[in-house]
């Protein structure tokens, strides 16, 4: 029960965290939250005028993947902190997992 409550708290914290992935020197910016949900994509208008479809698609993939990678890192950090907090309350049992 406590684990479910803690997981819910972590999810709420991750919803509030914004990560950003960029490509082409910031001409494409993707924002996501810590739960790996893309919230927005911004493309510089001047860049958009000159970019071809294939280039744009490739750079969008790069920016989205960067944002999701950052979101994954944040998520792992939050989950590790929650796990450590829970195992820390169990005395030496946390050492069973190589910590």
Protein backbone atom coordinates (compact mmCIF):
# COMPACT_ATOMS: atom_id res chain seq x y z
CA UNK A 1 0.00 0.00 0.00
CA UNK A 2 2.79 2.40 0.91
CA UNK A 3 4.58 1.56 -2.34
CA UNK A 4 1.49 2.48 -4.38
CA UNK A 5 1.15 5.76 -2.53
CA UNK A 6 4.84 6.58 -3.05
CA UNK A 7 4.60 5.66 -6.74
CA UNK A 8 1.62 8.01 -7.08
CA UNK A 9 3.60 10.80 -5.44
CA UNK A 10 6.53 10.19 -7.79
CA UNK A 11 4.19 10.27 -10.81
CA UNK A 12 2.80 13.63 -9.67
CA UNK A 13 6.32 15.02 -9.24
CA UNK A 14 7.32 13.74 -12.67
CA UNK A 15 4.22 15.36 -14.21
CA UNK A 16 5.45 18.69 -12.85
CA UNK A 17 9.01 18.35 -14.19
CA UNK A 18 9.69 19.72 -17.67
CA UNK A 19 12.59 18.50 -19.79
CA UNK A 20 13.68 19.87 -23.14
CA UNK A 21 15.27 18.35 -26.22
CA UNK A 22 16.61 20.51 -29.01
CA UNK A 23 18.00 20.03 -32.49
CA UNK A 24 19.73 22.26 -35.02
CA UNK A 25 20.99 24.67 -32.38
CA UNK A 26 17.59 25.20 -30.79
CA UNK A 27 15.67 25.72 -34.01
CA UNK A 28 13.51 22.75 -32.97
CA UNK A 29 12.54 22.43 -29.32
CA UNK A 30 10.55 19.60 -27.77
CA UNK A 31 9.27 19.78 -24.21
CA UNK A 32 8.12 16.74 -22.29
CA UNK A 33 7.38 15.98 -18.67
CA UNK A 34 9.19 13.52 -16.43
CA UNK A 35 6.60 10.86 -17.30
CA UNK A 36 7.79 10.91 -20.93
CA UNK A 37 4.75 12.72 -22.30
CA UNK A 38 5.55 15.23 -25.05
CA UNK A 39 3.90 18.53 -24.14
CA UNK A 40 4.98 20.83 -26.95
CA UNK A 41 7.05 21.13 -30.11
CA UNK A 42 8.32 24.49 -31.35
CA UNK A 43 9.95 25.04 -34.74
CA UNK A 44 11.67 28.29 -35.65
CA UNK A 45 9.68 29.94 -38.47
CA UNK A 46 12.73 30.93 -40.52
CA UNK A 47 14.13 27.42 -40.27
CA UNK A 48 10.76 25.94 -41.24
CA UNK A 49 10.64 28.04 -44.43
CA UNK A 50 13.98 26.67 -45.63
CA UNK A 51 13.83 23.09 -44.31
CA UNK A 52 12.71 20.21 -46.47
CA UNK A 53 10.34 17.55 -45.20
CA UNK A 54 12.99 14.86 -44.72
CA UNK A 55 15.34 17.18 -42.81
CA UNK A 56 12.51 18.36 -40.59
CA UNK A 57 11.39 14.82 -39.81
CA UNK A 58 14.93 13.73 -38.94
CA UNK A 59 15.50 16.70 -36.65
CA UNK A 60 12.14 16.22 -34.94
CA UNK A 61 13.13 12.65 -34.14
CA UNK A 62 16.43 13.87 -32.69
CA UNK A 63 14.76 16.50 -30.51
CA UNK A 64 12.00 14.15 -29.31
CA UNK A 65 14.52 11.44 -28.44
CA UNK A 66 16.68 13.92 -26.51
CA UNK A 67 13.67 15.09 -24.50
CA UNK A 68 12.54 11.52 -23.79
CA UNK A 69 16.08 10.52 -22.77
CA UNK A 70 16.15 13.37 -20.26
CA UNK A 71 12.71 12.37 -19.02
CA UNK A 72 13.92 8.78 -18.55
CA UNK A 73 16.93 10.00 -16.56
CA UNK A 74 14.72 12.13 -14.32
CA UNK A 75 12.27 9.26 -13.88
CA UNK A 76 15.02 6.82 -12.91
CA UNK A 77 16.43 9.31 -10.41
CA UNK A 78 13.03 9.84 -8.80
CA UNK A 79 12.33 6.10 -8.63
CA UNK A 80 15.77 5.42 -7.15
CA UNK A 81 15.21 8.10 -4.51
CA UNK A 82 11.82 6.59 -3.64
CA UNK A 83 13.31 3.09 -3.43
CA UNK A 84 16.19 4.27 -1.27
CA UNK A 85 13.79 6.08 1.04
CA UNK A 86 11.64 2.98 1.40
CA UNK A 87 14.56 0.59 1.89
CA UNK A 88 16.29 3.03 4.20
CA UNK A 89 13.40 2.55 6.59
CA UNK A 90 14.02 -1.20 6.64
CA UNK A 91 17.41 -1.04 8.31
CA UNK A 92 19.90 -3.48 6.79
CA UNK A 93 17.45 -5.10 4.37
CA UNK A 94 18.45 -2.60 1.70
CA UNK A 95 21.84 -4.32 1.57
CA UNK A 96 20.18 -7.43 0.15
CA UNK A 97 20.02 -5.65 -3.20
CA UNK A 98 23.69 -4.75 -3.37
CA UNK A 99 23.29 -1.25 -1.96
